[in-house]
Amino acid sequence: MSELARKLGIRVGDPICLIGANAEAEAALRSELPEGVHITRNPRERRFPTILFWPTELGGLTERFKELQACILPNGAVWAVMPKKAFAQARGIAFSWSQMQAAALQTDLVDNKEASFSAQEYATRFVIRKDRREKTSLGRG
């Protein structure tokens, strides 16, 4: 398993959802994934252990995080992937990491880890706060 897949918590055979990934990011990620990982772009297809999300605008971001929160397993994660500061403007990203974080923190999500995604991007993991996770057998240990 690659270092990136390990950091993102993606295991052999996992279903994952990509939202807003450009072709380059998706290709780079695919080359790092373990065998049997099923990728979809439809977050409503099922509940996922991992969703990777490339936010592009601040407007409606809190609502988007709420939607994605409902699409992960209770102990799953939404990884928000953002360009590093030096690359944000060229990609049309007009908001900061702290603004993105503030939008997510208005939900039941909390950030608890970061990972370098590529030379130009990094990812922040958001999970449902432990005291707000539903009691279910759907989660994986």
N, C-alpha and C. Protein backbone atom coordinates (compact mmCIF):
# COMPACT_ATOMS: atom_id res chain seq x y z
N MET A 1 0.85 -1.18 0.00
CA MET A 1 0.00 0.00 0.00
C MET A 1 0.89 1.24 0.00
N SER A 2 0.49 2.23 -0.77
CA SER A 2 1.29 3.44 -0.87
C SER A 2 1.16 4.27 0.41
N GLU A 3 2.11 5.15 0.60
CA GLU A 3 2.10 6.04 1.76
C GLU A 3 0.87 6.95 1.75
N LEU A 4 0.49 7.46 0.57
CA LEU A 4 -0.68 8.33 0.49
C LEU A 4 -1.95 7.56 0.86
N ALA A 5 -2.14 6.37 0.32
CA ALA A 5 -3.32 5.58 0.66
C ALA A 5 -3.36 5.29 2.15
N ARG A 6 -2.22 4.99 2.74
CA ARG A 6 -2.16 4.72 4.18
C ARG A 6 -2.57 5.95 4.96
N LYS A 7 -2.02 7.12 4.60
CA LYS A 7 -2.36 8.36 5.30
C LYS A 7 -3.85 8.70 5.17
N LEU A 8 -4.42 8.41 4.00
CA LEU A 8 -5.83 8.70 3.78
C LEU A 8 -6.75 7.64 4.39
N GLY A 9 -6.17 6.53 4.85
CA GLY A 9 -6.95 5.47 5.46
C GLY A 9 -7.70 4.61 4.46
N ILE A 10 -7.22 4.55 3.23
CA ILE A 10 -7.89 3.78 2.18
C ILE A 10 -7.28 2.38 2.14
N ARG A 11 -8.15 1.39 2.27
CA ARG A 11 -7.71 -0.01 2.32
C ARG A 11 -8.12 -0.77 1.06
N VAL A 12 -7.51 -1.93 0.89
CA VAL A 12 -7.84 -2.83 -0.22
C VAL A 12 -9.35 -3.05 -0.26
N GLY A 13 -9.94 -2.87 -1.43
CA GLY A 13 -11.36 -3.13 -1.62
C GLY A 13 -12.31 -2.05 -1.16
N ASP A 14 -11.82 -0.97 -0.57
CA ASP A 14 -12.70 0.10 -0.09
C ASP A 14 -13.45 0.77 -1.24
N PRO A 15 -14.69 1.16 -0.99
CA PRO A 15 -15.36 2.07 -1.90
C PRO A 15 -15.01 3.50 -1.46
N ILE A 16 -14.66 4.35 -2.40
CA ILE A 16 -14.39 5.75 -2.07
C ILE A 16 -15.13 6.63 -3.07
N CYS A 17 -15.36 7.86 -2.67
CA CYS A 17 -16.06 8.80 -3.53
C CYS A 17 -15.16 10.01 -3.77
N LEU A 18 -15.05 10.41 -5.03
CA LEU A 18 -14.30 11.60 -5.40
C LEU A 18 -15.28 12.66 -5.88
N ILE A 19 -15.15 13.86 -5.33
CA ILE A 19 -16.04 14.94 -5.71
C ILE A 19 -15.20 16.15 -6.10
N GLY A 20 -15.28 16.51 -7.37
CA GLY A 20 -14.57 17.69 -7.86
C GLY A 20 -13.12 17.47 -8.22
N ALA A 21 -12.69 16.23 -8.29
CA ALA A 21 -11.29 15.95 -8.66
C ALA A 21 -11.09 16.23 -10.15
N ASN A 22 -10.01 16.94 -10.48
CA ASN A 22 -9.71 17.09 -11.90
C ASN A 22 -9.02 15.82 -12.39
N ALA A 23 -8.85 15.68 -13.68
CA ALA A 23 -8.30 14.46 -14.27
C ALA A 23 -6.90 14.15 -13.73
N GLU A 24 -6.09 15.20 -13.57
CA GLU A 24 -4.72 15.00 -13.08
C GLU A 24 -4.72 14.47 -11.65
N ALA A 25 -5.55 15.05 -10.79
CA ALA A 25 -5.62 14.60 -9.39
C ALA A 25 -6.15 13.18 -9.31
N GLU A 26 -7.16 12.88 -10.10
CA GLU A 26 -7.71 11.53 -10.07
C GLU A 26 -6.69 10.50 -10.55
N ALA A 27 -5.98 10.81 -11.61
CA ALA A 27 -4.97 9.88 -12.13
C ALA A 27 -3.86 9.66 -11.09
N ALA A 28 -3.43 10.73 -10.45
CA ALA A 28 -2.39 10.60 -9.42
C ALA A 28 -2.88 9.74 -8.26
N LEU A 29 -4.12 9.96 -7.85
CA LEU A 29 -4.67 9.17 -6.75
C LEU A 29 -4.81 7.71 -7.14
N ARG A 30 -5.35 7.45 -8.33
CA ARG A 30 -5.52 6.06 -8.78
C ARG A 30 -4.20 5.30 -8.75
N SER A 31 -3.11 5.97 -9.10
CA SER A 31 -1.81 5.29 -9.12
C SER A 31 -1.33 4.93 -7.72
N GLU A 32 -1.93 5.52 -6.70
CA GLU A 32 -1.52 5.28 -5.31
C GLU A 32 -2.43 4.32 -4.55
N LEU A 33 -3.57 3.98 -5.15
CA LEU A 33 -4.57 3.19 -4.43
C LEU A 33 -4.25 1.70 -4.41
N PRO A 34 -4.64 1.03 -3.33
CA PRO A 34 -4.47 -0.42 -3.29
C PRO A 34 -5.47 -1.10 -4.23
N GLU A 35 -5.28 -2.39 -4.43
CA GLU A 35 -6.14 -3.16 -5.33
C GLU A 35 -7.59 -3.15 -4.89
N GLY A 36 -8.45 -3.20 -5.87
CA GLY A 36 -9.86 -3.40 -5.60
C GLY A 36 -10.62 -2.20 -5.07
N VAL A 37 -9.99 -1.04 -5.01
CA VAL A 37 -10.70 0.15 -4.54
C VAL A 37 -11.70 0.56 -5.62
N HIS A 38 -12.94 0.73 -5.21
CA HIS A 38 -14.00 1.13 -6.14
C HIS A 38 -14.21 2.63 -6.00
N ILE A 39 -14.06 3.36 -7.11
CA ILE A 39 -14.21 4.82 -7.10
C ILE A 39 -15.53 5.20 -7.75
N THR A 40 -16.24 6.08 -7.10
CA THR A 40 -17.47 6.63 -7.65
C THR A 40 -17.45 8.14 -7.47
N ARG A 41 -18.33 8.82 -8.17
CA ARG A 41 -18.48 10.27 -8.01
C ARG A 41 -19.85 10.63 -7.44
N ASN A 42 -20.62 9.61 -7.10
CA ASN A 42 -21.96 9.82 -6.57
C ASN A 42 -21.96 9.57 -5.06
N PRO A 43 -21.96 10.63 -4.25
CA PRO A 43 -21.90 10.42 -2.80
C PRO A 43 -23.15 9.77 -2.24
N ARG A 44 -24.24 9.75 -3.00
CA ARG A 44 -25.48 9.15 -2.49
C ARG A 44 -25.59 7.67 -2.85
N GLU A 45 -24.58 7.14 -3.52
CA GLU A 45 -24.60 5.74 -3.93
C GLU A 45 -24.64 4.81 -2.73
N ARG A 46 -23.99 5.19 -1.65
CA ARG A 46 -23.88 4.38 -0.44
C ARG A 46 -23.23 5.24 0.64
N ARG A 47 -22.94 4.69 1.78
CA ARG A 47 -22.15 5.41 2.79
C ARG A 47 -20.71 4.93 2.66
N PHE A 48 -19.79 5.88 2.70
CA PHE A 48 -18.39 5.60 2.39
C PHE A 48 -17.49 5.72 3.62
N PRO A 49 -16.42 4.94 3.63
CA PRO A 49 -15.40 5.17 4.65
C PRO A 49 -14.58 6.42 4.35
N THR A 50 -14.47 6.76 3.05
CA THR A 50 -13.66 7.90 2.64
C THR A 50 -14.29 8.63 1.46
N ILE A 51 -14.42 9.95 1.63
CA ILE A 51 -14.82 10.83 0.53
C ILE A 51 -13.71 11.85 0.38
N LEU A 52 -13.24 12.05 -0.84
CA LEU A 52 -12.27 13.10 -1.14
C LEU A 52 -12.99 14.18 -1.91
N PHE A 53 -12.87 15.41 -1.43
CA PHE A 53 -13.66 16.53 -1.92
C PHE A 53 -12.74 17.71 -2.23
N TRP A 54 -12.84 18.25 -3.45
CA TRP A 54 -12.07 19.41 -3.88
C TRP A 54 -13.01 20.62 -3.90
N PRO A 55 -13.12 21.36 -2.80
CA PRO A 55 -14.01 22.52 -2.80
C PRO A 55 -13.48 23.62 -3.72
N THR A 56 -14.40 24.32 -4.39
CA THR A 56 -13.98 25.36 -5.33
C THR A 56 -14.52 26.74 -4.99
N GLU A 57 -15.53 26.80 -4.11
CA GLU A 57 -16.07 28.10 -3.73
C GLU A 57 -16.56 28.06 -2.29
N LEU A 58 -16.52 29.20 -1.65
CA LEU A 58 -16.90 29.30 -0.25
C LEU A 58 -18.42 29.30 -0.08
N GLY A 59 -19.13 29.92 -1.00
CA GLY A 59 -20.59 29.97 -0.92
C GLY A 59 -21.19 28.58 -0.89
N GLY A 60 -22.03 28.29 0.10
CA GLY A 60 -22.67 27.00 0.21
C GLY A 60 -21.79 25.88 0.74
N LEU A 61 -20.59 26.22 1.17
CA LEU A 61 -19.65 25.17 1.59
C LEU A 61 -20.11 24.46 2.87
N THR A 62 -20.68 25.18 3.81
CA THR A 62 -21.18 24.53 5.03
C THR A 62 -22.25 23.50 4.67
N GLU A 63 -23.17 23.88 3.80
CA GLU A 63 -24.22 22.96 3.39
C GLU A 63 -23.64 21.75 2.68
N ARG A 64 -22.62 21.97 1.87
CA ARG A 64 -21.98 20.86 1.16
C ARG A 64 -21.33 19.89 2.15
N PHE A 65 -20.64 20.44 3.18
CA PHE A 65 -20.06 19.57 4.20
C PHE A 65 -21.15 18.79 4.93
N LYS A 66 -22.29 19.41 5.20
CA LYS A 66 -23.40 18.70 5.86
C LYS A 66 -23.87 17.54 4.99
N GLU A 67 -23.99 17.78 3.69
CA GLU A 67 -24.40 16.71 2.77
C GLU A 67 -23.39 15.57 2.78
N LEU A 68 -22.12 15.91 2.73
CA LEU A 68 -21.07 14.88 2.68
C LEU A 68 -20.99 14.13 4.00
N GLN A 69 -21.22 14.81 5.10
CA GLN A 69 -21.22 14.16 6.41
C GLN A 69 -22.24 13.03 6.42
N ALA A 70 -23.39 13.25 5.82
CA ALA A 70 -24.45 12.24 5.78
C ALA A 70 -24.08 11.06 4.88
N CYS A 71 -23.04 11.19 4.09
CA CYS A 71 -22.65 10.16 3.12
C CYS A 71 -21.47 9.32 3.58
N ILE A 72 -20.94 9.59 4.77
CA ILE A 72 -19.84 8.78 5.27
C ILE A 72 -20.33 7.86 6.39
N LEU A 73 -19.59 6.78 6.59
CA LEU A 73 -19.85 5.91 7.72
C LEU A 73 -19.61 6.69 9.00
N PRO A 74 -20.19 6.26 10.12
CA PRO A 74 -20.01 7.01 11.36
C PRO A 74 -18.54 7.28 11.72
N ASN A 75 -17.65 6.35 11.39
CA ASN A 75 -16.23 6.59 11.66
C ASN A 75 -15.45 6.84 10.37
N GLY A 76 -16.16 7.30 9.34
CA GLY A 76 -15.53 7.63 8.06
C GLY A 76 -14.97 9.03 8.06
N ALA A 77 -14.50 9.46 6.90
CA ALA A 77 -13.84 10.76 6.80
C ALA A 77 -14.15 11.44 5.48
N VAL A 78 -14.25 12.75 5.56
CA VAL A 78 -14.29 13.61 4.38
C VAL A 78 -12.94 14.31 4.33
N TRP A 79 -12.19 14.07 3.28
CA TRP A 79 -10.92 14.75 3.08
C TRP A 79 -11.16 15.92 2.13
N ALA A 80 -10.92 17.13 2.60
CA ALA A 80 -11.02 18.33 1.76
C ALA A 80 -9.64 18.59 1.18
N VAL A 81 -9.53 18.56 -0.14
CA VAL A 81 -8.25 18.73 -0.82
C VAL A 81 -8.20 20.15 -1.39
N MET A 82 -7.16 20.88 -0.99
CA MET A 82 -7.01 22.28 -1.41
C MET A 82 -5.63 22.51 -1.99
N PRO A 83 -5.54 23.44 -2.94
CA PRO A 83 -4.21 23.79 -3.44
C PRO A 83 -3.43 24.53 -2.36
N LYS A 84 -2.14 24.32 -2.38
CA LYS A 84 -1.28 25.09 -1.48
C LYS A 84 -1.40 26.56 -1.86
N LYS A 85 -1.13 27.42 -0.91
CA LYS A 85 -1.34 28.86 -1.08
C LYS A 85 -0.76 29.40 -2.38
N ALA A 86 0.44 28.97 -2.73
CA ALA A 86 1.11 29.48 -3.92
C ALA A 86 0.38 29.12 -5.22
N PHE A 87 -0.49 28.10 -5.17
CA PHE A 87 -1.17 27.63 -6.38
C PHE A 87 -2.67 27.96 -6.39
N ALA A 88 -3.19 28.46 -5.28
CA ALA A 88 -4.64 28.68 -5.15
C ALA A 88 -5.18 29.68 -6.17
N GLN A 89 -4.53 30.81 -6.31
CA GLN A 89 -5.04 31.85 -7.22
C GLN A 89 -5.09 31.34 -8.66
N ALA A 90 -4.05 30.65 -9.10
CA ALA A 90 -4.02 30.13 -10.47
C ALA A 90 -5.14 29.13 -10.72
N ARG A 91 -5.63 28.50 -9.67
CA ARG A 91 -6.72 27.53 -9.81
C ARG A 91 -8.09 28.15 -9.55
N GLY A 92 -8.11 29.45 -9.31
CA GLY A 92 -9.37 30.13 -9.09
C GLY A 92 -9.95 29.94 -7.70
N ILE A 93 -9.13 29.56 -6.76
CA ILE A 93 -9.59 29.38 -5.38
C ILE A 93 -9.39 30.70 -4.65
N ALA A 94 -10.49 31.32 -4.24
CA ALA A 94 -10.44 32.65 -3.64
C ALA A 94 -10.74 32.63 -2.14
N PHE A 95 -10.59 31.46 -1.52
CA PHE A 95 -10.81 31.38 -0.08
C PHE A 95 -9.64 30.63 0.55
N SER A 96 -9.47 30.85 1.84
CA SER A 96 -8.33 30.27 2.55
C SER A 96 -8.70 28.95 3.21
N TRP A 97 -7.69 28.25 3.66
CA TRP A 97 -7.91 27.01 4.41
C TRP A 97 -8.74 27.31 5.65
N SER A 98 -8.44 28.39 6.35
CA SER A 98 -9.18 28.69 7.59
C SER A 98 -10.65 28.98 7.30
N GLN A 99 -10.97 29.57 6.17
CA GLN A 99 -12.37 29.78 5.80
C GLN A 99 -13.05 28.45 5.48
N MET A 100 -12.33 27.56 4.81
CA MET A 100 -12.86 26.23 4.51
C MET A 100 -13.10 25.49 5.82
N GLN A 101 -12.13 25.55 6.73
CA GLN A 101 -12.26 24.88 8.02
C GLN A 101 -13.46 25.43 8.79
N ALA A 102 -13.62 26.74 8.81
CA ALA A 102 -14.73 27.36 9.54
C ALA A 102 -16.07 26.88 8.99
N ALA A 103 -16.16 26.71 7.67
CA ALA A 103 -17.40 26.20 7.07
C ALA A 103 -17.69 24.78 7.56
N ALA A 104 -16.68 23.95 7.59
CA ALA A 104 -16.85 22.56 8.02
C ALA A 104 -17.20 22.48 9.51
N LEU A 105 -16.60 23.33 10.32
CA LEU A 105 -16.82 23.28 11.76
C LEU A 105 -18.23 23.73 12.16
N GLN A 106 -19.00 24.26 11.23
CA GLN A 106 -20.40 24.60 11.51
C GLN A 106 -21.30 23.37 11.41
N THR A 107 -20.71 22.23 11.08
CA THR A 107 -21.43 20.96 11.00
C THR A 107 -21.01 20.12 12.21
N ASP A 108 -21.27 18.83 12.16
CA ASP A 108 -20.81 17.92 13.21
C ASP A 108 -19.40 17.43 12.94
N LEU A 109 -18.75 17.99 11.93
CA LEU A 109 -17.40 17.57 11.56
C LEU A 109 -16.33 18.35 12.31
N VAL A 110 -15.21 17.71 12.51
CA VAL A 110 -14.05 18.34 13.11
C VAL A 110 -12.81 17.85 12.36
N ASP A 111 -11.84 18.74 12.15
CA ASP A 111 -10.62 18.33 11.46
C ASP A 111 -9.65 17.73 12.47
N ASN A 112 -8.96 16.67 12.05
CA ASN A 112 -8.04 16.02 12.98
C ASN A 112 -6.76 15.50 12.33
N LYS A 113 -6.57 15.78 11.04
CA LYS A 113 -5.35 15.29 10.40
C LYS A 113 -5.16 16.01 9.07
N GLU A 114 -3.91 16.17 8.67
CA GLU A 114 -3.59 16.71 7.35
C GLU A 114 -2.62 15.76 6.66
N ALA A 115 -2.63 15.81 5.34
CA ALA A 115 -1.72 14.98 4.56
C ALA A 115 -1.35 15.73 3.28
N SER A 116 -0.12 15.58 2.87
CA SER A 116 0.29 16.13 1.58
C SER A 116 -0.32 15.25 0.51
N PHE A 117 -1.07 15.85 -0.39
CA PHE A 117 -1.74 15.09 -1.44
C PHE A 117 -0.88 15.03 -2.70
N SER A 118 -0.26 16.14 -3.02
CA SER A 118 0.63 16.23 -4.18
C SER A 118 1.57 17.41 -3.95
N ALA A 119 2.40 17.69 -4.93
CA ALA A 119 3.32 18.83 -4.80
C ALA A 119 2.55 20.15 -4.70
N GLN A 120 1.33 20.18 -5.23
CA GLN A 120 0.55 21.42 -5.24
C GLN A 120 -0.67 21.40 -4.32
N GLU A 121 -0.99 20.25 -3.74
CA GLU A 121 -2.21 20.14 -2.93
C GLU A 121 -1.95 19.45 -1.59
N TYR A 122 -2.80 19.78 -0.64
CA TYR A 122 -2.80 19.08 0.63
C TYR A 122 -4.24 18.78 1.00
N ALA A 123 -4.42 17.85 1.90
CA ALA A 123 -5.76 17.42 2.28
C ALA A 123 -5.92 17.51 3.79
N THR A 124 -7.12 17.87 4.21
CA THR A 124 -7.47 17.93 5.63
C THR A 124 -8.60 16.94 5.86
N ARG A 125 -8.41 16.09 6.87
CA ARG A 125 -9.42 15.09 7.20
C ARG A 125 -10.42 15.66 8.20
N PHE A 126 -11.69 15.51 7.86
CA PHE A 126 -12.78 15.88 8.75
C PHE A 126 -13.55 14.61 9.10
N VAL A 127 -13.78 14.42 10.38
CA VAL A 127 -14.54 13.28 10.88
C VAL A 127 -15.70 13.80 11.72
N ILE A 128 -16.70 12.95 11.89
CA ILE A 128 -17.82 13.31 12.76
C ILE A 128 -17.33 13.26 14.20
N ARG A 129 -17.64 14.31 14.95
CA ARG A 129 -17.25 14.34 16.36
C ARG A 129 -17.76 13.08 17.06
N LYS A 130 -16.92 12.49 17.89
CA LYS A 130 -17.26 11.21 18.52
C LYS A 130 -18.59 11.25 19.25
N ASP A 131 -18.88 12.33 19.94
CA ASP A 131 -20.13 12.39 20.71
C ASP A 131 -21.36 12.57 19.82
N ARG A 132 -21.16 12.75 18.51
CA ARG A 132 -22.28 12.95 17.59
C ARG A 132 -22.43 11.82 16.57
N ARG A 133 -21.59 10.81 16.69
CA ARG A 133 -21.69 9.67 15.78
C ARG A 133 -22.87 8.81 16.17
N GLU A 134 -23.63 8.41 15.16
CA GLU A 134 -24.76 7.54 15.47
C GLU A 134 -24.25 6.16 15.84
N LYS A 135 -25.01 5.50 16.65
CA LYS A 135 -24.66 4.14 17.06
C LYS A 135 -25.15 3.20 15.96
N THR A 136 -24.22 2.60 15.26
CA THR A 136 -24.58 1.72 14.16
C THR A 136 -23.51 0.66 13.95
N SER A 137 -23.88 -0.40 13.32
CA SER A 137 -22.91 -1.46 13.03
C SER A 137 -22.30 -1.26 11.64
N LEU A 138 -22.66 -0.15 10.98
CA LEU A 138 -22.11 0.10 9.64
C LEU A 138 -20.65 0.48 9.66
N GLY A 139 -20.19 1.07 10.76
CA GLY A 139 -18.81 1.57 10.82
C GLY A 139 -17.80 0.43 10.81
N ARG A 140 -16.62 0.75 10.35
CA ARG A 140 -15.56 -0.25 10.40
C ARG A 140 -14.57 0.17 11.46
N GLY A 141 -13.96 -0.78 12.08
CA GLY A 141 -13.09 -0.52 13.22
C GLY A 141 -11.79 -0.05 12.82
